[in-house]
């Protein structure tokens, strides 16, 4: 099932886009980690999977947003 299709059929927002960044601003959501974007997430994932230090343990908290 395509969740975007289900979402578009279920919700009505006065915004032209249903992207997370647009909707989170509309509903007043503030990210705990403002630098958490796609590139940052990929860097953290690679760092966590390729190293054995505690850096990877830290990435679990980033997923709480």
C-alpha atoms as a PDB file:
ATOM      1  CA  UNK A   1       0.000   0.000   0.000  1.00  0.00           C
ATOM      2  CA  UNK A   2       1.282   3.445  -0.878  1.00  0.00           C
ATOM      3  CA  UNK A   3       1.095   5.485   2.309  1.00  0.00           C
ATOM      4  CA  UNK A   4       1.224   8.802   0.471  1.00  0.00           C
ATOM      5  CA  UNK A   5      -1.926   7.908  -1.460  1.00  0.00           C
ATOM      6  CA  UNK A   6      -3.688   6.899   1.762  1.00  0.00           C
ATOM      7  CA  UNK A   7      -2.536  10.083   3.472  1.00  0.00           C
ATOM      8  CA  UNK A   8      -3.739  12.313   0.650  1.00  0.00           C
ATOM      9  CA  UNK A   9      -7.148  10.654   0.759  1.00  0.00           C
ATOM     10  CA  UNK A  10      -7.388  10.959   4.554  1.00  0.00           C
ATOM     11  CA  UNK A  11      -6.113  14.445   5.341  1.00  0.00           C
ATOM     12  CA  UNK A  12      -6.691  17.940   4.101  1.00  0.00           C
ATOM     13  CA  UNK A  13      -4.042  20.572   4.776  1.00  0.00           C
ATOM     14  CA  UNK A  14      -4.098  24.108   3.385  1.00  0.00           C
ATOM     15  CA  UNK A  15      -0.614  23.507   2.002  1.00  0.00           C
ATOM     16  CA  UNK A  16       0.423  22.600  -1.550  1.00  0.00           C
ATOM     17  CA  UNK A  17       2.789  19.862  -0.366  1.00  0.00           C
ATOM     18  CA  UNK A  18       2.556  16.978   2.078  1.00  0.00           C
ATOM     19  CA  UNK A  19       6.300  16.798   2.648  1.00  0.00           C
ATOM     20  CA  UNK A  20       7.341  16.281   6.258  1.00  0.00           C
ATOM     21  CA  UNK A  21       9.153  19.603   6.399  1.00  0.00           C
ATOM     22  CA  UNK A  22       6.059  21.503   5.255  1.00  0.00           C
ATOM     23  CA  UNK A  23       3.633  19.634   7.518  1.00  0.00           C
ATOM     24  CA  UNK A  24       5.856  19.731  10.611  1.00  0.00           C
ATOM     25  CA  UNK A  25       6.106  23.525  10.343  1.00  0.00           C
ATOM     26  CA  UNK A  26       2.335  23.787   9.829  1.00  0.00           C
ATOM     27  CA  UNK A  27       1.517  21.753  12.952  1.00  0.00           C
ATOM     28  CA  UNK A  28       4.231  23.443  15.034  1.00  0.00           C
ATOM     29  CA  UNK A  29       6.591  20.491  15.399  1.00  0.00           C
ATOM     30  CA  UNK A  30      10.178  21.395  16.272  1.00  0.00           C
ATOM     31  CA  UNK A  31      12.989  18.934  15.705  1.00  0.00           C
ATOM     32  CA  UNK A  32      15.274  18.156  18.617  1.00  0.00           C
ATOM     33  CA  UNK A  33      18.232  17.988  16.235  1.00  0.00           C
ATOM     34  CA  UNK A  34      17.965  20.869  13.774  1.00  0.00           C
ATOM     35  CA  UNK A  35      20.830  19.527  11.637  1.00  0.00           C
ATOM     36  CA  UNK A  36      19.045  16.233  11.042  1.00  0.00           C
ATOM     37  CA  UNK A  37      18.531  16.166   7.287  1.00  0.00           C
ATOM     38  CA  UNK A  38      19.062  13.418   4.733  1.00  0.00           C
ATOM     39  CA  UNK A  39      22.789  13.983   4.299  1.00  0.00           C
ATOM     40  CA  UNK A  40      23.337  14.133   8.047  1.00  0.00           C
ATOM     41  CA  UNK A  41      21.331  10.940   8.533  1.00  0.00           C
ATOM     42  CA  UNK A  42      23.354   9.089   5.886  1.00  0.00           C
ATOM     43  CA  UNK A  43      26.642  10.229   7.441  1.00  0.00           C
ATOM     44  CA  UNK A  44      25.498   9.064  10.870  1.00  0.00           C
ATOM     45  CA  UNK A  45      24.356   5.708   9.466  1.00  0.00           C
ATOM     46  CA  UNK A  46      27.659   5.102   7.686  1.00  0.00           C
ATOM     47  CA  UNK A  47      29.582   6.175  10.759  1.00  0.00           C
ATOM     48  CA  UNK A  48      27.532   3.868  12.989  1.00  0.00           C
ATOM     49  CA  UNK A  49      27.846   0.842  10.720  1.00  0.00           C
ATOM     50  CA  UNK A  50      31.534   1.230   9.910  1.00  0.00           C
ATOM     51  CA  UNK A  51      32.900   2.018  13.355  1.00  0.00           C
ATOM     52  CA  UNK A  52      32.792   0.142  16.626  1.00  0.00           C
ATOM     53  CA  UNK A  53      32.941   3.148  18.941  1.00  0.00           C
ATOM     54  CA  UNK A  54      30.059   4.713  20.845  1.00  0.00           C
ATOM     55  CA  UNK A  55      29.174   7.123  18.042  1.00  0.00           C
ATOM     56  CA  UNK A  56      26.672   4.664  16.605  1.00  0.00           C
ATOM     57  CA  UNK A  57      24.930   4.322  19.938  1.00  0.00           C
ATOM     58  CA  UNK A  58      24.199   8.023  19.816  1.00  0.00           C
ATOM     59  CA  UNK A  59      22.231   7.709  16.573  1.00  0.00           C
ATOM     60  CA  UNK A  60      19.344   5.931  18.308  1.00  0.00           C
ATOM     61  CA  UNK A  61      18.369   9.177  19.999  1.00  0.00           C
ATOM     62  CA  UNK A  62      18.178  10.932  16.602  1.00  0.00           C
ATOM     63  CA  UNK A  63      15.313   8.619  15.613  1.00  0.00           C
ATOM     64  CA  UNK A  64      13.100   9.814  18.438  1.00  0.00           C
ATOM     65  CA  UNK A  65      11.879  12.856  16.494  1.00  0.00           C
END
